[in-house]
Structures are given as C-alpha cells and as structure tokens.
Amino acid sequence: MKKNLLKQTTVAALLASTVLSFSPVAMGASSLDQSVNTVKSQLSKATTHYVNASLDGKLATSNELYPALNTLKNNYQSVRKSVVSSKLTSSQKQAKLKELDAVYNQKVSGGLVPYIDAYNYAIKYLAPIMKNIQVAQDRNDFATVEKEYHKLSYQLKGRTAILYRFSGKEARDLLLQSYKKPADAKRDELMVPVTIYMSLLEIKDFITAGKMTEAKAEYAEVEALLTRLPSAANNKFITALLDEVAKVKTALGETPDSAQQQILNGKVSEFVKILNTTQGSVATAAVTGTNSVTVTIVKTDATEADYVSYLGQGFYTQFVRELGVTAVNGHAPLSLEAAAYVESLKPKGVVTLADMKGKTLNIPVTVNNGSALNVNFSVTFK
C-alpha cells in the first residue's frame, strides 16, 4: 500500500513538472532569452555601421547612421521593458539588464552615438570655418581671414576632444585626417599672417593718432615676423599681405621694400639672433641697415683660429642657410669658387679676427625666398 502511494506521488510530481515546463511562464522565459540574445547580437554590431565604411576609406554620414541608431535604441528599450515586466526573479532581471546595458554602453553609447556626434561636429563647425577661410583668402579679405582664424583657433583649442571619444581606430583616424589635421595645418599657416595683419591695423591707428614712435616700434615687430611667412611664390594671399606691409611702410615715411626684400629683412634679423646665440662669446652682430650687419668683436685675445671659426664656420654657414643664399658673386655658395672669392675679399694684413676691426666686407649675393633677389651684403667690423 505504501509502495503504491509512493509510486502515485512520484508520478504526480513528474506530471506536475512536465506541465510546468510547458506553462506560459516557462515559455515566456525561453522567448525572453531569445529576445535578449537577439538584441545583444544587434547591439554588439553597432560600431560596424561606421567602422566597415572606414575600412573602405569612407566616412559614414550621420544621416546614414540615424536609422540604425533608432532601431537599436527601440529594440534595446523594448527588450529591457520585457525583462522588467517578466516573471523572472529580481536577481535574474538584474543579471539580464546588466548584460544588456553593458553591450549597449560599449557599442552604442561608447561607439555609434559619439561617432555621430563627432561627425556632426566636424561638418557643423570645422568644415564651414575652413571653407570661409579659403573663400576669404581667395579674395585677399584679410579681415574675414582674421575673424575665421580666431574661430578656428577656439575650436581647436577646446572643442575637438569630441573627435576622439568614440571607439574604432580606423574611423577615428579617417575623421581626424579629413577634418582635424587640415584645420591644424591651416591654423599654423595663418598664425604669422594674421599676427602681421593685426599689427598693421595697430600701426595705422598709431599713425592716425600721430604716434609715430609707437608706429615705427610696432613696424619693427612686423619686419621681424616676415621671415616666418609662408613663401610668397604662387601664394597670392601672402603677396597681397606684403603689399599691405609696403603701404604701411610708405605711410611711415620710409621707402617701401620689395616683397622679397621684406622677407630678406626678416631673415637677416633671425640670422643675427642665431649668430649671437652660437658665436656670441667671440663677437656680437647687429642689423645696422638694409642688407647690412655690424659685427662687434668682444674676444680681446681673438686669434687666427677665431677668424676661421667665426667667419668661415660660424658666420658664413649660417649666412648661406638662414638667408636663402643661392649664389655668391655668381657661384654656388658652398663651391670652391665661392670660397676663393670670399677669401679674396679679406683685406691685406688681416690675420686674426681682431685685425678686421674698422674694415668692411661687401659680398654680392643672390637670395631666393620665392624669387631671386640680387643684393650687396655689407659686413662691418668694429
């Protein structure tokens, strides 16, 4: 009797478990698992919507990505609600929600969404500024170039971090290559021209106010910057800017130099700075006029070796490199003929550097910083 009762109880239990396994609750859990896994699979592929395009050298546009983003968001929210409203235990719900959220945060919040934000930023801010600058440069519109340059600098200084916030190295590199790097290059290209333009405006204000001393001091700063300008060769914007510099020089009551002479003036100033940094213990140089430098010998016991070192290895080498010298008296500057010519300029009786005091070397040279310019360069020793 007991055996029959035990057998009946066992069968009843098995039957109950079989019924429960096909109950709506159990079926719902199985269906829910499938839904969760399907959405997780979709979410895990979120970044491929823009990464795959970048592998082909293309940037996926935000308009192309919005449909995929909206679908992913809707599916994610829908399955999340299903989990919350299911009959799973609290711990089971939390586990599934954690799985979903982890994939969503990594692939959508950390990938697709910030990529779209970065792309939108690039086309809304960087691209229009770059276009405005190019149009203004083509028109030699210095005021607009200055305004847009400051806008670009502001963006590059504090806002372009958005371009680095999404996952996917290939897409990120392509976006930077397409927008950030050209913007960086344009800012660097315009830094000196814009500075010069702003100084010219200030000089004009000084002239209008009758403050000629201040105007000339500011103009000296402009001349020092000319050597750092991009080449004027095939650059109409820089050529036009140099014309503005010449006009200001005329307004100051001075004879304006040619564009190439202006560039050379700036290079001479830089040359003197470098020479004094490297050779200052032997002699100091100073610009004393157009194409003219005065060298003050400071080493009291200057020897013949100092003459060779200062003039041959120090002065002449820097002179050729920094000024863009392409010929000395018609000879290649580093040729034996040029060396022989420079040696022939050495006054009779000069052995040491100290012997050069009171003497002047006049060197006919050709410089080329965009186009050839022939000048007689004067070096006076004291």
Protein backbone atom coordinates (compact mmCIF):
# COMPACT_ATOMS: atom_id res chain seq x y z
CA MET A 1 0.00 0.00 0.00
CA LYS A 2 2.79 2.36 0.95
CA LYS A 3 4.66 1.40 -2.21
CA ASN A 4 1.61 2.23 -4.36
CA LEU A 5 1.18 5.56 -2.57
CA LEU A 6 4.84 6.43 -3.10
CA LYS A 7 4.59 5.46 -6.73
CA GLN A 8 1.49 7.61 -7.24
CA THR A 9 3.15 10.55 -5.51
CA THR A 10 6.21 10.24 -7.72
CA VAL A 11 4.14 10.07 -10.89
CA ALA A 12 2.13 13.10 -9.77
CA ALA A 13 5.30 15.06 -9.17
CA LEU A 14 6.69 14.14 -12.59
CA LEU A 15 3.41 15.10 -14.22
CA ALA A 16 3.38 18.41 -12.41
CA SER A 17 6.91 19.22 -13.52
CA THR A 18 6.01 18.32 -17.09
CA VAL A 19 3.02 20.64 -17.07
CA LEU A 20 5.03 23.45 -15.55
CA SER A 21 7.71 23.08 -18.19
CA PHE A 22 5.14 23.97 -20.84
CA SER A 23 3.38 26.63 -18.83
CA PRO A 24 3.15 30.22 -20.20
CA VAL A 25 5.69 31.37 -17.62
CA ALA A 26 8.31 28.89 -18.74
CA MET A 27 7.65 29.58 -22.42
CA GLY A 28 7.88 33.31 -21.75
CA ALA A 29 11.30 32.91 -20.15
CA SER A 30 12.56 30.98 -23.15
CA SER A 31 11.20 33.56 -25.58
CA LEU A 32 12.64 36.35 -23.46
CA ASP A 33 16.09 34.76 -23.54
CA GLN A 34 15.91 34.62 -27.32
CA SER A 35 14.85 38.27 -27.50
CA VAL A 36 17.63 39.35 -25.16
CA ASN A 37 20.24 37.40 -27.11
CA THR A 38 18.99 38.77 -30.42
CA VAL A 39 19.17 42.37 -29.23
CA LYS A 40 22.59 41.80 -27.66
CA SER A 41 23.79 40.50 -31.00
CA GLN A 42 22.39 43.56 -32.76
CA LEU A 43 23.96 45.92 -30.25
CA SER A 44 27.35 44.22 -30.50
CA LYS A 45 27.41 45.09 -34.21
CA ALA A 46 26.54 48.78 -33.70
CA THR A 47 30.04 50.06 -34.43
CA THR A 48 30.28 48.11 -37.67
CA HIS A 49 27.86 50.59 -39.23
CA TYR A 50 30.67 53.17 -39.40
CA VAL A 51 33.82 51.07 -38.95
CA ASN A 52 33.20 48.98 -42.07
CA ALA A 53 32.83 52.13 -44.17
CA SER A 54 36.12 53.50 -42.84
CA LEU A 55 37.92 50.31 -43.88
CA ASP A 56 36.98 51.28 -47.43
CA GLY A 57 38.30 54.80 -46.87
CA LYS A 58 34.85 56.35 -46.43
CA LEU A 59 33.20 58.19 -43.57
CA ALA A 60 29.66 57.08 -42.80
CA THR A 61 27.45 60.17 -42.57
CA SER A 62 25.17 60.81 -39.62
CA ASN A 63 22.13 60.70 -41.92
CA GLU A 64 23.14 57.21 -42.98
CA LEU A 65 23.51 56.09 -39.37
CA TYR A 66 20.39 57.56 -37.74
CA PRO A 67 18.04 54.75 -38.94
CA ALA A 68 20.34 52.09 -37.49
CA LEU A 69 20.70 54.04 -34.24
CA ASN A 70 16.95 54.49 -33.86
CA THR A 71 16.30 50.79 -34.50
CA LEU A 72 18.92 49.76 -31.95
CA LYS A 73 17.53 52.15 -29.34
CA ASN A 74 13.96 50.97 -29.87
CA ASN A 75 14.90 47.29 -29.72
CA TYR A 76 17.02 47.86 -26.63
CA GLN A 77 14.27 49.76 -24.81
CA SER A 78 11.66 47.21 -25.85
CA VAL A 79 13.54 44.15 -24.64
CA ARG A 80 14.54 46.00 -21.48
CA LYS A 81 10.87 46.63 -20.69
CA SER A 82 10.14 42.99 -21.37
CA VAL A 83 12.77 41.95 -18.85
CA VAL A 84 11.46 44.36 -16.21
CA SER A 85 7.85 43.21 -16.67
CA SER A 86 8.71 39.49 -16.83
CA LYS A 87 8.12 36.98 -14.05
CA LEU A 88 11.82 36.40 -13.55
CA THR A 89 13.17 36.81 -10.06
CA SER A 90 14.66 40.15 -9.12
CA SER A 91 18.21 38.80 -9.31
CA GLN A 92 17.55 37.24 -12.71
CA LYS A 93 16.17 40.53 -14.01
CA GLN A 94 19.17 42.44 -12.74
CA ALA A 95 21.54 39.97 -14.36
CA LYS A 96 19.87 40.27 -17.77
CA LEU A 97 19.60 44.04 -17.56
CA LYS A 98 23.28 44.21 -16.65
CA GLU A 99 24.17 42.15 -19.73
CA LEU A 100 22.06 44.36 -21.99
CA ASP A 101 23.33 47.62 -20.52
CA ALA A 102 26.96 46.54 -20.77
CA VAL A 103 26.71 45.86 -24.51
CA TYR A 104 24.62 48.99 -25.13
CA ASN A 105 27.02 51.24 -23.23
CA GLN A 106 30.05 49.83 -25.00
CA LYS A 107 28.79 49.68 -28.57
CA VAL A 108 26.10 52.36 -28.76
CA SER A 109 26.83 54.91 -26.01
CA GLY A 110 30.58 54.46 -26.46
CA GLY A 111 30.64 53.89 -30.20
CA LEU A 112 27.80 54.75 -32.54
CA VAL A 113 26.42 57.78 -30.68
CA PRO A 114 29.77 59.57 -30.09
CA TYR A 115 30.80 58.83 -33.69
CA ILE A 116 27.66 60.58 -34.92
CA ASP A 117 28.34 63.46 -32.52
CA ALA A 118 31.94 63.73 -33.74
CA TYR A 119 30.92 63.64 -37.40
CA ASN A 120 28.21 66.26 -36.85
CA TYR A 121 30.70 68.48 -35.00
CA ALA A 122 33.22 68.25 -37.84
CA ILE A 123 30.74 69.17 -40.57
CA LYS A 124 28.92 71.81 -38.50
CA TYR A 125 31.93 73.69 -37.14
CA LEU A 126 35.29 72.80 -38.71
CA ALA A 127 34.19 72.39 -42.32
CA PRO A 128 32.31 75.75 -42.60
CA ILE A 129 35.17 77.68 -40.97
CA MET A 130 37.70 76.10 -43.32
CA LYS A 131 35.51 76.96 -46.30
CA ASN A 132 35.08 80.57 -45.14
CA ILE A 133 38.83 80.95 -44.70
CA GLN A 134 39.55 79.64 -48.19
CA VAL A 135 36.99 81.94 -49.78
CA ALA A 136 38.40 84.92 -47.85
CA GLN A 137 41.97 84.04 -48.82
CA ASP A 138 40.98 83.82 -52.47
CA ARG A 139 39.56 87.37 -52.19
CA ASN A 140 42.50 88.67 -50.11
CA ASP A 141 39.90 89.54 -47.48
CA PHE A 142 42.24 89.94 -44.51
CA ALA A 143 39.53 90.98 -42.04
CA THR A 144 37.47 87.84 -42.68
CA VAL A 145 40.54 85.63 -42.58
CA GLU A 146 41.40 87.08 -39.18
CA LYS A 147 37.87 86.56 -37.85
CA GLU A 148 37.63 82.98 -39.09
CA TYR A 149 41.16 82.22 -37.90
CA HIS A 150 40.17 83.12 -34.35
CA LYS A 151 37.06 80.95 -34.65
CA LEU A 152 39.19 78.05 -35.84
CA SER A 153 41.73 78.54 -33.05
CA TYR A 154 38.93 78.50 -30.48
CA GLN A 155 37.57 75.24 -31.85
CA LEU A 156 40.96 73.55 -31.99
CA LYS A 157 41.95 74.72 -28.54
CA GLY A 158 38.99 73.46 -26.56
CA ARG A 159 36.36 71.60 -28.54
CA THR A 160 37.96 68.98 -30.77
CA ALA A 161 38.24 66.44 -27.95
CA ILE A 162 34.86 65.21 -29.20
CA LEU A 163 36.65 63.74 -32.23
CA TYR A 164 38.46 61.22 -30.02
CA ARG A 165 35.60 59.89 -27.89
CA PHE A 166 34.29 57.00 -29.97
CA SER A 167 35.71 53.52 -30.45
CA GLY A 168 37.06 52.29 -33.77
CA LYS A 169 40.60 53.39 -34.60
CA GLU A 170 40.19 53.25 -38.37
CA ALA A 171 37.15 55.51 -38.37
CA ARG A 172 38.69 57.87 -35.82
CA ASP A 173 41.92 58.20 -37.81
CA LEU A 174 39.97 58.86 -41.01
CA LEU A 175 37.83 61.53 -39.35
CA LEU A 176 40.91 63.24 -37.93
CA GLN A 177 42.68 63.03 -41.28
CA SER A 178 39.69 64.54 -43.05
CA TYR A 179 38.91 67.41 -40.67
CA LYS A 180 41.24 67.88 -37.67
CA LYS A 181 44.64 67.69 -39.38
CA PRO A 182 43.73 70.10 -42.21
CA ALA A 183 42.36 72.51 -39.60
CA ASP A 184 45.58 72.27 -37.56
CA ALA A 185 47.63 72.93 -40.69
CA LYS A 186 45.51 75.93 -41.67
CA ARG A 187 45.81 77.44 -38.20
CA ASP A 188 49.60 77.04 -38.29
CA GLU A 189 49.74 78.50 -41.80
CA LEU A 190 47.77 81.61 -40.81
CA MET A 191 49.27 82.28 -37.39
CA VAL A 192 52.00 84.65 -38.62
CA PRO A 193 49.99 86.30 -41.46
CA VAL A 194 47.13 87.09 -39.08
CA THR A 195 49.55 88.43 -36.46
CA ILE A 196 51.11 90.71 -39.09
CA TYR A 197 47.70 91.89 -40.28
CA MET A 198 46.63 92.73 -36.74
CA SER A 199 49.89 94.65 -36.22
CA LEU A 200 49.31 96.60 -39.43
CA LEU A 201 45.90 97.67 -38.12
CA GLU A 202 47.52 98.81 -34.90
CA ILE A 203 50.21 100.72 -36.81
CA LYS A 204 47.54 102.51 -38.84
CA ASP A 205 45.80 103.51 -35.60
CA PHE A 206 49.10 104.86 -34.23
CA ILE A 207 49.68 106.86 -37.42
CA THR A 208 46.16 108.29 -37.29
CA ALA A 209 46.75 109.32 -33.67
CA GLY A 210 50.09 110.88 -34.59
CA LYS A 211 52.05 108.36 -32.51
CA MET A 212 54.84 107.76 -35.00
CA THR A 213 57.32 106.43 -32.43
CA GLU A 214 54.89 103.70 -31.40
CA ALA A 215 54.02 103.02 -35.04
CA LYS A 216 57.66 102.52 -36.01
CA ALA A 217 58.28 100.29 -33.00
CA GLU A 218 55.35 98.11 -33.99
CA TYR A 219 56.56 98.04 -37.59
CA ALA A 220 59.91 96.71 -36.38
CA GLU A 221 57.99 93.79 -34.87
CA VAL A 222 56.32 93.21 -38.24
CA GLU A 223 59.66 93.14 -40.03
CA ALA A 224 60.94 90.54 -37.58
CA LEU A 225 57.99 88.30 -38.46
CA LEU A 226 58.40 88.49 -42.24
CA THR A 227 60.93 85.67 -42.30
CA ARG A 228 58.32 83.34 -40.81
CA LEU A 229 55.75 83.94 -43.53
CA PRO A 230 54.96 81.16 -45.98
CA SER A 231 56.64 81.62 -49.34
CA ALA A 232 55.02 84.30 -51.49
CA ALA A 233 55.76 82.24 -54.59
CA ASN A 234 52.43 81.08 -56.02
CA ASN A 235 50.66 82.44 -52.94
CA LYS A 236 48.54 85.45 -53.89
CA PHE A 237 47.32 85.94 -50.33
CA ILE A 238 50.84 86.36 -48.93
CA THR A 239 51.81 88.58 -51.86
CA ALA A 240 48.82 90.81 -51.13
CA LEU A 241 49.74 90.92 -47.44
CA LEU A 242 53.28 92.01 -48.32
CA ASP A 243 51.77 94.77 -50.44
CA GLU A 244 49.90 95.94 -47.33
CA VAL A 245 53.16 95.91 -45.39
CA ALA A 246 54.75 98.09 -48.09
CA LYS A 247 51.85 100.57 -47.92
CA VAL A 248 52.27 100.89 -44.17
CA LYS A 249 55.99 101.44 -44.57
CA THR A 250 55.25 104.23 -47.04
CA ALA A 251 52.81 105.76 -44.56
CA LEU A 252 55.64 105.78 -42.03
CA GLY A 253 57.63 107.96 -44.42
CA GLU A 254 60.02 105.22 -45.46
CA THR A 255 60.75 103.84 -48.91
CA PRO A 256 58.95 100.52 -49.18
CA ASP A 257 60.99 97.42 -49.95
CA SER A 258 60.01 94.82 -52.49
CA ALA A 259 58.23 91.75 -51.18
CA GLN A 260 61.42 89.71 -51.47
CA GLN A 261 63.46 92.39 -49.71
CA GLN A 262 60.93 92.43 -46.87
CA ILE A 263 61.32 88.69 -46.48
CA LEU A 264 65.10 89.04 -46.56
CA ASN A 265 64.99 91.76 -43.90
CA GLY A 266 63.20 89.39 -41.57
CA LYS A 267 65.64 86.61 -42.34
CA VAL A 268 68.61 88.86 -41.59
CA SER A 269 67.13 89.63 -38.17
CA GLU A 270 66.75 85.91 -37.45
CA PHE A 271 70.26 85.25 -38.77
CA VAL A 272 71.72 87.78 -36.33
CA LYS A 273 69.87 86.19 -33.41
CA ILE A 274 71.19 82.74 -34.28
CA LEU A 275 74.72 84.05 -34.84
CA ASN A 276 74.78 85.76 -31.46
CA THR A 277 73.47 82.63 -29.76
CA THR A 278 76.13 80.39 -31.28
CA GLN A 279 79.09 82.80 -31.59
CA GLY A 280 78.35 85.49 -29.01
CA SER A 281 81.44 84.75 -26.93
CA VAL A 282 83.65 85.80 -29.85
CA ALA A 283 81.67 88.66 -31.42
CA THR A 284 78.17 90.09 -31.45
CA ALA A 285 76.26 91.10 -34.56
CA ALA A 286 73.55 93.69 -35.11
CA VAL A 287 71.45 94.78 -38.06
CA THR A 288 72.51 98.34 -38.94
CA GLY A 289 70.61 98.86 -42.18
CA THR A 290 69.11 97.13 -45.18
CA ASN A 291 71.41 94.23 -46.11
CA SER A 292 73.92 95.49 -43.58
CA VAL A 293 75.28 93.94 -40.40
CA THR A 294 77.84 95.27 -37.94
CA VAL A 295 79.98 92.78 -36.02
CA THR A 296 81.48 93.90 -32.71
CA ILE A 297 84.47 91.78 -31.68
CA VAL A 298 84.27 91.06 -27.95
CA LYS A 299 87.02 88.49 -27.53
CA THR A 300 90.12 90.52 -26.66
CA ASP A 301 92.59 87.77 -27.50
CA ALA A 302 90.96 86.69 -30.77
CA THR A 303 93.35 84.55 -32.78
CA GLU A 304 93.69 83.42 -36.38
CA ALA A 305 91.74 80.30 -35.42
CA ASP A 306 88.90 82.55 -34.23
CA TYR A 307 88.90 84.28 -37.61
CA VAL A 308 88.47 80.94 -39.39
CA SER A 309 85.94 79.67 -36.87
CA TYR A 310 83.78 82.80 -36.71
CA LEU A 311 83.74 83.88 -40.34
CA GLY A 312 84.19 80.55 -42.06
CA GLN A 313 82.34 78.02 -39.95
CA GLY A 314 80.01 80.25 -37.95
CA PHE A 315 79.08 83.37 -39.87
CA TYR A 316 79.24 82.13 -43.45
CA THR A 317 77.49 78.80 -42.90
CA GLN A 318 74.59 80.44 -41.06
CA PHE A 319 74.57 83.29 -43.58
CA VAL A 320 74.01 80.94 -46.51
CA ARG A 321 71.45 78.74 -44.78
CA GLU A 322 69.34 81.34 -42.98
CA LEU A 323 69.18 83.96 -45.73
CA GLY A 324 68.41 81.55 -48.56
CA VAL A 325 71.62 82.40 -50.44
CA THR A 326 71.78 80.63 -53.80
CA ALA A 327 74.87 82.33 -55.24
CA VAL A 328 77.89 84.33 -54.08
CA ASN A 329 79.27 86.52 -56.86
CA GLY A 330 77.57 84.16 -59.30
CA HIS A 331 78.98 80.97 -57.77
CA ALA A 332 77.19 78.26 -55.80
CA PRO A 333 77.62 79.40 -52.18
CA LEU A 334 79.37 76.24 -50.98
CA SER A 335 81.55 75.79 -54.06
CA LEU A 336 85.33 76.18 -54.13
CA GLU A 337 84.90 79.20 -56.41
CA ALA A 338 82.69 80.95 -53.86
CA ALA A 339 85.13 80.10 -51.06
CA ALA A 340 88.01 81.52 -53.11
CA TYR A 341 86.05 84.68 -53.85
CA VAL A 342 85.19 85.28 -50.19
CA GLU A 343 88.84 84.70 -49.26
CA SER A 344 89.84 87.30 -51.87
CA LEU A 345 87.74 89.88 -50.03
CA LYS A 346 89.95 89.54 -46.97
CA PRO A 347 91.90 92.82 -46.55
CA LYS A 348 95.68 92.66 -46.74
CA GLY A 349 97.45 92.23 -43.44
CA VAL A 350 94.48 90.58 -41.72
CA VAL A 351 95.49 87.50 -39.76
CA THR A 352 93.30 87.40 -36.67
CA LEU A 353 89.69 88.37 -36.19
CA ALA A 354 90.84 91.42 -34.22
CA ASP A 355 92.60 92.66 -37.37
CA MET A 356 89.18 93.07 -39.01
CA LYS A 357 88.26 96.00 -36.76
CA GLY A 358 87.37 99.05 -38.82
CA LYS A 359 87.08 97.05 -42.03
CA THR A 360 84.05 96.16 -44.17
CA LEU A 361 83.30 93.21 -46.44
CA ASN A 362 80.87 93.77 -49.32
CA ILE A 363 79.54 90.47 -50.62
CA PRO A 364 77.39 90.31 -53.79
CA VAL A 365 74.85 87.53 -53.27
CA THR A 366 71.69 86.15 -54.79
CA VAL A 367 68.96 85.04 -52.40
CA ASN A 368 65.80 83.20 -53.30
CA ASN A 369 62.86 83.09 -50.89
CA GLY A 370 60.18 82.79 -53.54
CA SER A 371 62.01 84.54 -56.36
CA ALA A 372 65.62 85.58 -56.98
CA LEU A 373 66.91 88.84 -55.50
CA ASN A 374 70.42 90.21 -56.06
CA VAL A 375 71.85 92.31 -53.23
CA ASN A 376 75.20 93.57 -51.97
CA PHE A 377 75.51 92.46 -48.38
CA SER A 378 77.71 94.57 -46.14
CA VAL A 379 79.51 93.30 -43.01
CA THR A 380 81.33 95.95 -40.95
CA PHE A 381 83.65 95.03 -38.07
CA LYS A 382 84.42 97.11 -35.03
